[in-house]
N, C-alpha and C. Protein backbone atom coordinates (compact mmCIF):
# COMPACT_ATOMS: atom_id res chain seq x y z
N MET A 1 -83.84 -21.90 28.01
CA MET A 1 -84.87 -21.54 27.21
C MET A 1 -85.84 -21.06 27.11
N SER A 2 -86.65 -20.47 25.73
CA SER A 2 -87.75 -19.48 26.10
C SER A 2 -88.92 -20.42 25.85
N LYS A 3 -89.66 -20.36 26.46
CA LYS A 3 -91.13 -20.90 26.52
C LYS A 3 -92.01 -20.81 24.84
N MET A 4 -92.18 -21.96 24.36
CA MET A 4 -92.67 -21.90 23.20
C MET A 4 -94.00 -20.84 22.95
N PHE A 5 -93.87 -20.12 22.04
CA PHE A 5 -95.34 -19.28 21.33
C PHE A 5 -95.14 -17.81 22.45
N THR A 6 -94.20 -17.22 22.90
CA THR A 6 -93.95 -16.06 24.16
C THR A 6 -93.10 -15.22 22.65
N GLU A 7 -93.10 -13.88 23.54
CA GLU A 7 -92.57 -13.01 22.61
C GLU A 7 -90.74 -13.33 22.56
N GLU A 8 -90.36 -13.80 23.31
CA GLU A 8 -88.77 -14.00 23.62
C GLU A 8 -88.70 -15.27 22.52
N TRP A 9 -89.49 -16.12 22.55
CA TRP A 9 -89.53 -17.20 21.30
C TRP A 9 -89.60 -17.00 20.04
N PHE A 10 -90.36 -15.91 19.68
CA PHE A 10 -90.47 -15.57 18.30
C PHE A 10 -89.22 -14.75 17.75
N HIS A 11 -89.03 -13.94 18.75
CA HIS A 11 -87.46 -13.30 18.61
C HIS A 11 -86.35 -13.80 18.46
N SER A 12 -86.54 -14.91 19.10
CA SER A 12 -85.42 -16.17 18.88
C SER A 12 -85.56 -16.60 17.48
N PHE A 13 -86.64 -17.12 17.21
CA PHE A 13 -86.93 -17.51 15.89
C PHE A 13 -86.56 -16.62 14.61
N CYS A 14 -87.02 -15.27 14.88
CA CYS A 14 -86.65 -14.73 13.95
C CYS A 14 -85.06 -14.42 13.87
N GLU A 15 -84.26 -14.27 14.56
CA GLU A 15 -82.90 -14.18 14.69
C GLU A 15 -81.98 -15.62 14.18
N MET A 16 -83.27 -16.55 14.31
CA MET A 16 -82.64 -17.76 13.64
C MET A 16 -82.62 -17.81 12.31
N ILE A 17 -83.99 -17.16 12.05
CA ILE A 17 -83.91 -17.25 10.38
C ILE A 17 -82.76 -16.92 9.90
N ASN A 18 -82.50 -15.35 10.09
CA ASN A 18 -81.35 -14.21 9.78
C ASN A 18 -80.42 -15.35 9.65
N GLY A 19 -79.71 -15.79 10.40
CA GLY A 19 -78.78 -16.60 10.79
C GLY A 19 -78.46 -18.06 10.10
N ASP A 20 -79.85 -18.63 9.32
CA ASP A 20 -80.19 -19.70 8.20
C ASP A 20 -79.76 -19.48 7.14
N LYS A 21 -78.55 -19.87 6.33
CA LYS A 21 -78.53 -19.65 5.26
C LYS A 21 -78.98 -20.33 3.71
N ARG A 22 -79.65 -21.54 4.08
CA ARG A 22 -80.60 -22.26 3.30
C ARG A 22 -81.77 -21.33 3.36
N TYR A 23 -82.25 -20.68 4.62
CA TYR A 23 -83.49 -20.32 4.35
C TYR A 23 -83.16 -18.74 3.63
N ASN A 24 -82.13 -18.08 3.83
CA ASN A 24 -81.42 -17.24 3.29
C ASN A 24 -81.83 -17.23 1.75
N SER A 25 -81.32 -18.24 1.28
CA SER A 25 -81.39 -18.37 -0.15
C SER A 25 -82.61 -18.76 -0.71
N ASN A 26 -83.29 -19.76 -0.24
CA ASN A 26 -84.96 -20.34 -0.38
C ASN A 26 -85.52 -19.58 -0.64
N GLY A 27 -85.42 -18.18 0.55
CA GLY A 27 -86.67 -17.30 1.04
C GLY A 27 -86.19 -15.85 -0.12
N LYS A 28 -85.10 -16.02 -0.79
CA LYS A 28 -85.32 -14.64 -1.75
C LYS A 28 -86.20 -14.55 -2.58
N GLY A 29 -86.90 -13.22 -2.56
CA GLY A 29 -88.18 -12.79 -3.43
C GLY A 29 -89.57 -12.88 -2.51
N TRP A 30 -89.54 -13.59 -1.80
CA TRP A 30 -90.52 -13.63 -0.61
C TRP A 30 -90.78 -11.87 -0.12
N LEU A 31 -91.89 -11.43 -0.25
CA LEU A 31 -92.13 -10.07 0.28
C LEU A 31 -93.34 -9.79 1.15
N TRP A 32 -93.63 -11.22 2.06
CA TRP A 32 -95.07 -11.02 3.02
C TRP A 32 -94.92 -11.32 4.11
N ASP A 33 -96.00 -10.49 5.09
CA ASP A 33 -95.68 -11.06 6.27
C ASP A 33 -96.40 -12.03 6.37
N VAL A 34 -96.21 -13.00 7.43
CA VAL A 34 -96.71 -14.27 8.36
C VAL A 34 -97.51 -14.39 9.08
N ASP A 35 -98.55 -14.21 9.59
CA ASP A 35 -99.26 -14.21 10.88
C ASP A 35 -99.25 -15.75 11.50
N PHE A 36 -99.01 -15.90 12.47
CA PHE A 36 -99.21 -17.39 13.39
C PHE A 36 -100.24 -17.06 14.41
N VAL A 37 -101.61 -17.56 13.79
CA VAL A 37 -102.15 -17.50 14.91
C VAL A 37 -102.31 -18.95 15.66
N ILE A 38 -101.87 -18.58 17.04
CA ILE A 38 -102.27 -20.12 18.22
C ILE A 38 -102.88 -19.84 18.85
N ARG A 39 -104.27 -20.77 19.05
CA ARG A 39 -105.43 -20.96 20.15
C ARG A 39 -105.16 -21.62 20.94
N GLY A 40 -105.45 -20.81 22.27
CA GLY A 40 -104.75 -21.98 23.55
C GLY A 40 -105.57 -23.34 23.35
N ASP A 41 -105.44 -24.19 23.67
CA ASP A 41 -106.22 -25.43 24.02
C ASP A 41 -106.12 -26.66 25.17
N GLU A 42 -106.72 -27.46 25.42
CA GLU A 42 -106.51 -28.45 26.64
C GLU A 42 -105.37 -29.43 26.51
N ASN A 43 -105.04 -29.81 25.02
CA ASN A 43 -104.00 -30.51 24.74
C ASN A 43 -102.33 -29.72 24.94
N SER A 44 -102.59 -28.26 25.01
CA SER A 44 -101.50 -27.48 25.16
C SER A 44 -100.52 -27.53 26.10
N ASN A 45 -99.08 -27.47 25.76
CA ASN A 45 -98.33 -27.48 27.40
C ASN A 45 -97.76 -26.07 27.22
N ALA A 46 -98.17 -25.27 26.07
CA ALA A 46 -97.66 -23.71 25.68
C ALA A 46 -99.03 -22.96 26.26
N ILE A 47 -99.71 -23.09 25.66
CA ILE A 47 -100.81 -22.31 26.03
C ILE A 47 -102.72 -22.89 26.37
N LYS A 48 -102.88 -22.25 27.48
CA LYS A 48 -104.15 -22.62 27.85
C LYS A 48 -105.36 -22.51 27.14
N PRO A 49 -106.54 -22.94 27.28
CA PRO A 49 -107.54 -22.53 26.42
C PRO A 49 -107.82 -21.29 26.84
N GLY A 50 -108.79 -20.60 25.91
CA GLY A 50 -109.11 -19.47 25.80
C GLY A 50 -108.22 -18.18 25.83
N LEU A 51 -107.02 -18.68 25.66
CA LEU A 51 -106.03 -17.62 25.17
C LEU A 51 -105.52 -17.97 23.82
N ASN A 52 -104.96 -16.78 23.62
CA ASN A 52 -104.61 -16.79 21.75
C ASN A 52 -103.41 -16.21 22.00
N VAL A 53 -102.34 -16.48 20.76
CA VAL A 53 -101.26 -15.82 20.39
C VAL A 53 -101.35 -15.10 18.96
N ARG A 54 -101.26 -14.13 18.56
CA ARG A 54 -100.86 -13.90 17.41
C ARG A 54 -99.61 -13.13 17.32
N ALA A 55 -98.79 -13.94 16.34
CA ALA A 55 -97.41 -13.19 16.05
C ALA A 55 -97.33 -12.69 14.31
N ARG A 56 -96.67 -11.29 14.10
CA ARG A 56 -96.10 -11.53 12.76
C ARG A 56 -95.23 -11.33 12.52
N LEU A 57 -94.83 -12.25 11.41
CA LEU A 57 -93.40 -12.23 11.33
C LEU A 57 -93.17 -11.56 9.89
N LYS A 58 -92.06 -10.52 10.50
CA LYS A 58 -92.05 -9.69 8.44
C LYS A 58 -90.76 -9.98 7.95
N LEU A 59 -91.30 -11.12 7.27
CA LEU A 59 -90.28 -11.92 6.24
C LEU A 59 -90.12 -11.12 4.96
N ARG A 60 -89.20 -10.73 4.47
CA ARG A 60 -88.34 -10.18 3.27
C ARG A 60 -87.44 -10.45 2.72
N ASP A 61 -87.34 -11.40 1.65
CA ASP A 61 -85.91 -11.20 1.05
C ASP A 61 -85.36 -12.25 1.25
N GLY A 62 -85.63 -13.31 1.98
CA GLY A 62 -84.76 -14.24 2.75
C GLY A 62 -84.54 -14.08 4.20
N ARG A 63 -85.02 -13.20 4.51
CA ARG A 63 -84.32 -12.25 6.17
C ARG A 63 -85.94 -12.01 7.13
N CYS A 64 -85.79 -11.98 7.79
CA CYS A 64 -86.61 -11.82 9.17
C CYS A 64 -86.34 -10.18 9.45
N GLU A 65 -87.49 -9.22 9.02
CA GLU A 65 -87.14 -8.00 9.59
C GLU A 65 -87.53 -7.79 11.01
N GLY A 66 -88.48 -8.41 11.32
CA GLY A 66 -89.17 -8.23 12.87
C GLY A 66 -90.19 -8.99 13.31
N VAL A 67 -90.43 -9.09 14.76
CA VAL A 67 -91.73 -9.70 14.63
C VAL A 67 -92.70 -8.82 15.79
N GLU A 68 -93.61 -9.00 15.47
CA GLU A 68 -94.91 -7.97 16.34
C GLU A 68 -95.76 -8.85 16.45
N LEU A 69 -95.97 -9.08 18.18
CA LEU A 69 -97.20 -9.72 18.87
C LEU A 69 -98.10 -8.78 18.78
N VAL A 70 -99.37 -9.03 18.58
CA VAL A 70 -100.65 -8.21 18.84
C VAL A 70 -101.61 -9.16 19.90
N LYS A 71 -102.23 -7.98 20.27
CA LYS A 71 -103.84 -8.37 21.33
C LYS A 71 -104.79 -8.77 20.69
N ARG A 72 -104.77 -8.24 19.48
CA ARG A 72 -106.35 -8.23 18.42
C ARG A 72 -105.65 -8.68 16.96
N GLU A 73 -106.94 -8.95 16.54
CA GLU A 73 -106.67 -9.46 14.89
C GLU A 73 -106.38 -7.72 14.33
N MET A 74 -105.31 -8.32 13.71
CA MET A 74 -104.71 -7.40 12.93
C MET A 74 -104.90 -7.42 11.30
N GLU A 75 -104.96 -6.62 10.34
CA GLU A 75 -105.51 -6.75 9.24
C GLU A 75 -104.25 -7.28 8.19
N ARG A 76 -104.62 -7.89 7.53
CA ARG A 76 -104.07 -9.05 6.59
C ARG A 76 -102.84 -8.38 6.05
N ARG A 77 -103.45 -7.42 4.79
CA ARG A 77 -103.04 -6.98 3.87
C ARG A 77 -102.48 -7.92 3.10
N ASP A 78 -101.52 -7.88 2.57
CA ASP A 78 -101.42 -8.79 1.40
C ASP A 78 -100.36 -10.17 1.81
N GLY A 79 -100.18 -10.08 3.33
CA GLY A 79 -99.94 -11.17 3.78
C GLY A 79 -100.74 -12.59 3.74
N TYR A 80 -100.23 -13.87 4.75
CA TYR A 80 -100.60 -14.74 4.90
C TYR A 80 -100.89 -14.69 6.57
N VAL A 81 -101.70 -15.87 6.60
CA VAL A 81 -102.07 -16.16 8.24
C VAL A 81 -102.51 -17.64 8.19
N ILE A 82 -101.76 -18.31 9.15
CA ILE A 82 -101.51 -19.78 9.49
C ILE A 82 -101.93 -19.82 10.88
N GLU A 83 -103.28 -20.46 10.80
CA GLU A 83 -103.89 -20.44 12.40
C GLU A 83 -104.53 -21.99 12.80
N GLY A 84 -104.41 -22.37 13.80
CA GLY A 84 -104.93 -23.67 14.31
C GLY A 84 -104.27 -23.73 15.89
N LYS A 85 -104.57 -24.65 16.54
CA LYS A 85 -104.74 -24.56 17.69
C LYS A 85 -102.93 -24.85 18.35
N ALA A 86 -102.88 -24.45 19.29
CA ALA A 86 -101.68 -25.03 20.16
C ALA A 86 -100.91 -26.30 20.08
N SER A 87 -101.70 -26.76 20.17
CA SER A 87 -101.36 -28.65 20.71
C SER A 87 -101.08 -28.86 18.88
N THR A 88 -101.28 -28.56 17.93
CA THR A 88 -101.41 -28.97 16.67
C THR A 88 -100.00 -28.19 16.33
N TRP A 89 -99.95 -26.90 16.34
CA TRP A 89 -98.32 -26.56 16.26
C TRP A 89 -97.30 -27.01 16.86
N GLU A 90 -97.57 -27.19 18.44
CA GLU A 90 -96.69 -27.93 18.95
C GLU A 90 -96.01 -29.66 18.57
N GLY A 91 -97.52 -30.14 17.77
CA GLY A 91 -96.77 -31.38 17.15
C GLY A 91 -96.31 -31.01 16.06
N VAL A 92 -96.38 -30.30 15.34
CA VAL A 92 -95.37 -29.78 14.22
C VAL A 92 -94.26 -29.58 14.50
N ILE A 93 -93.87 -28.51 15.27
CA ILE A 93 -92.77 -28.19 15.73
C ILE A 93 -91.52 -29.12 16.64
N GLU A 94 -92.51 -30.17 16.81
CA GLU A 94 -92.04 -31.10 18.14
C GLU A 94 -91.43 -32.28 17.02
N GLY A 95 -91.96 -32.16 15.81
CA GLY A 95 -91.93 -33.43 14.88
C GLY A 95 -92.43 -34.44 14.82
N ARG A 96 -93.94 -34.48 15.44
CA ARG A 96 -94.62 -35.40 15.62
C ARG A 96 -95.83 -35.60 14.62
N MET A 97 -96.01 -34.17 13.86
CA MET A 97 -96.51 -34.16 12.40
C MET A 97 -96.23 -33.49 11.46
N THR A 98 -96.01 -33.41 10.10
CA THR A 98 -95.68 -32.25 8.96
C THR A 98 -96.46 -31.11 9.03
N ILE A 99 -96.42 -30.17 8.53
CA ILE A 99 -97.15 -28.69 8.62
C ILE A 99 -98.42 -29.32 7.41
N ILE A 100 -97.54 -29.71 6.34
CA ILE A 100 -98.57 -30.12 5.02
C ILE A 100 -99.67 -31.10 5.33
N ASN A 101 -99.21 -32.06 6.68
CA ASN A 101 -100.41 -32.86 6.81
C ASN A 101 -101.68 -32.41 7.99
N ALA A 102 -101.17 -31.21 8.45
CA ALA A 102 -101.51 -30.79 9.25
C ALA A 102 -102.61 -29.71 8.48
N ILE A 103 -101.76 -28.95 7.70
CA ILE A 103 -102.89 -28.32 6.77
C ILE A 103 -103.73 -29.13 6.06
N LEU A 104 -103.35 -29.99 4.98
CA LEU A 104 -104.81 -31.11 4.71
C LEU A 104 -105.35 -31.74 5.27
N LYS A 105 -105.41 -31.87 6.65
CA LYS A 105 -106.36 -32.38 7.72
C LYS A 105 -107.61 -31.63 8.40
N GLY A 106 -106.51 -30.15 8.05
CA GLY A 106 -107.91 -29.20 8.23
C GLY A 106 -107.55 -28.30 9.85
N ASP A 107 -106.20 -29.22 10.64
CA ASP A 107 -105.69 -28.50 11.79
C ASP A 107 -105.03 -27.15 11.63
N LEU A 108 -104.60 -27.08 10.45
CA LEU A 108 -104.22 -25.69 10.45
C LEU A 108 -104.89 -24.98 9.25
N SER A 109 -105.10 -23.87 9.20
CA SER A 109 -105.71 -23.17 8.47
C SER A 109 -104.66 -22.17 7.53
N VAL A 110 -104.90 -21.97 6.30
CA VAL A 110 -104.18 -21.06 5.53
C VAL A 110 -104.71 -20.04 4.95
N THR A 111 -104.56 -18.71 5.21
CA THR A 111 -105.02 -17.77 4.19
C THR A 111 -104.19 -16.87 3.60
N GLY A 112 -104.26 -16.79 2.42
CA GLY A 112 -103.20 -16.05 1.43
C GLY A 112 -103.45 -16.46 0.06
N ASN A 113 -102.76 -16.41 -0.43
CA ASN A 113 -102.11 -16.81 -2.34
C ASN A 113 -101.57 -17.97 -2.12
N MET A 114 -102.15 -18.60 -2.36
CA MET A 114 -101.18 -20.38 -1.96
C MET A 114 -100.82 -20.89 -3.28
N ARG A 115 -101.01 -20.06 -4.98
CA ARG A 115 -100.28 -20.32 -5.55
C ARG A 115 -98.55 -19.92 -5.51
N LYS A 116 -98.83 -18.62 -5.10
CA LYS A 116 -97.54 -18.04 -4.72
C LYS A 116 -96.90 -18.68 -3.17
N LEU A 117 -97.54 -19.14 -2.57
CA LEU A 117 -96.95 -19.82 -1.15
C LEU A 117 -96.27 -20.87 -1.75
N THR A 118 -96.70 -22.08 -2.56
CA THR A 118 -96.03 -23.43 -3.29
C THR A 118 -94.50 -22.90 -4.06
N GLU A 119 -94.74 -21.96 -4.48
CA GLU A 119 -93.16 -21.35 -5.37
C GLU A 119 -92.27 -21.44 -4.11
N TYR A 120 -92.49 -21.07 -2.79
CA TYR A 120 -91.64 -21.02 -1.70
C TYR A 120 -92.09 -22.27 -0.83
N ILE A 121 -92.12 -23.68 -0.92
CA ILE A 121 -92.59 -24.67 -0.27
C ILE A 121 -91.09 -25.18 0.40
N LEU A 122 -90.15 -24.83 -0.04
CA LEU A 122 -88.49 -25.06 0.22
C LEU A 122 -88.34 -23.98 1.52
N ALA A 123 -88.68 -22.79 1.54
CA ALA A 123 -88.29 -21.56 2.07
C ALA A 123 -89.32 -21.69 3.13
N ALA A 124 -91.05 -22.53 3.13
CA ALA A 124 -91.43 -22.67 4.08
C ALA A 124 -91.33 -24.04 5.06
N ASN A 125 -90.63 -24.77 4.32
CA ASN A 125 -90.42 -25.71 4.84
C ASN A 125 -89.18 -25.85 5.89
N ASP A 126 -87.94 -24.78 5.51
CA ASP A 126 -87.04 -24.49 6.37
C ASP A 126 -87.38 -23.54 7.60
N LEU A 127 -88.75 -22.94 7.39
CA LEU A 127 -89.64 -22.06 8.76
C LEU A 127 -89.41 -23.08 9.58
N VAL A 128 -90.02 -24.42 9.38
CA VAL A 128 -90.77 -25.34 10.34
C VAL A 128 -89.09 -26.05 11.01
N ARG A 129 -88.48 -26.41 10.04
CA ARG A 129 -87.17 -26.59 10.38
C ARG A 129 -86.45 -26.09 11.18
N ILE A 130 -86.02 -24.49 11.06
CA ILE A 130 -85.67 -23.53 12.36
C ILE A 130 -86.40 -23.48 13.39
N ALA A 131 -88.04 -23.27 13.27
CA ALA A 131 -88.58 -23.49 14.39
C ALA A 131 -88.62 -24.50 15.37
N ARG A 132 -87.93 -25.63 15.11
CA ARG A 132 -88.01 -26.87 15.59
C ARG A 132 -86.41 -26.69 16.62
N MET A 133 -85.45 -25.73 16.17
CA MET A 133 -84.56 -25.36 16.83
C MET A 133 -84.27 -24.37 17.61
N VAL A 134 -85.07 -23.64 17.41
CA VAL A 134 -85.61 -22.66 18.68
C VAL A 134 -85.43 -23.12 20.35
N LYS A 135 -84.95 -22.64 20.95
CA LYS A 135 -84.29 -22.95 22.42
C LYS A 135 -85.08 -21.98 23.47
């Protein structure tokens, strides 16, 4: 089992995305990177306070073409950034809260074209479902 939010975890996530027929279908037409910014906090089991992880998933047309972990903030280009505390991300992935509730409460922030994102809400839900299965 890989530790949550490590490079190994994100690579497993990418592989599982590619093997998921539902996401492969619901993600058709999606052509933007998604940056996951995870800030360590005192309530996290995965990332200590003061540490941050930024992972860019290269999502294209229902597939994950790769993952890039970066040490510094990268230019967003035309993609999306979803940012929040590690304990919030853990709550979403472990099923204690939904990603929609976390966003509405302001625990996760999303940067990018929200209108376009809503067109792919099924694919977004698939990504959360797949993340819950990463071992």
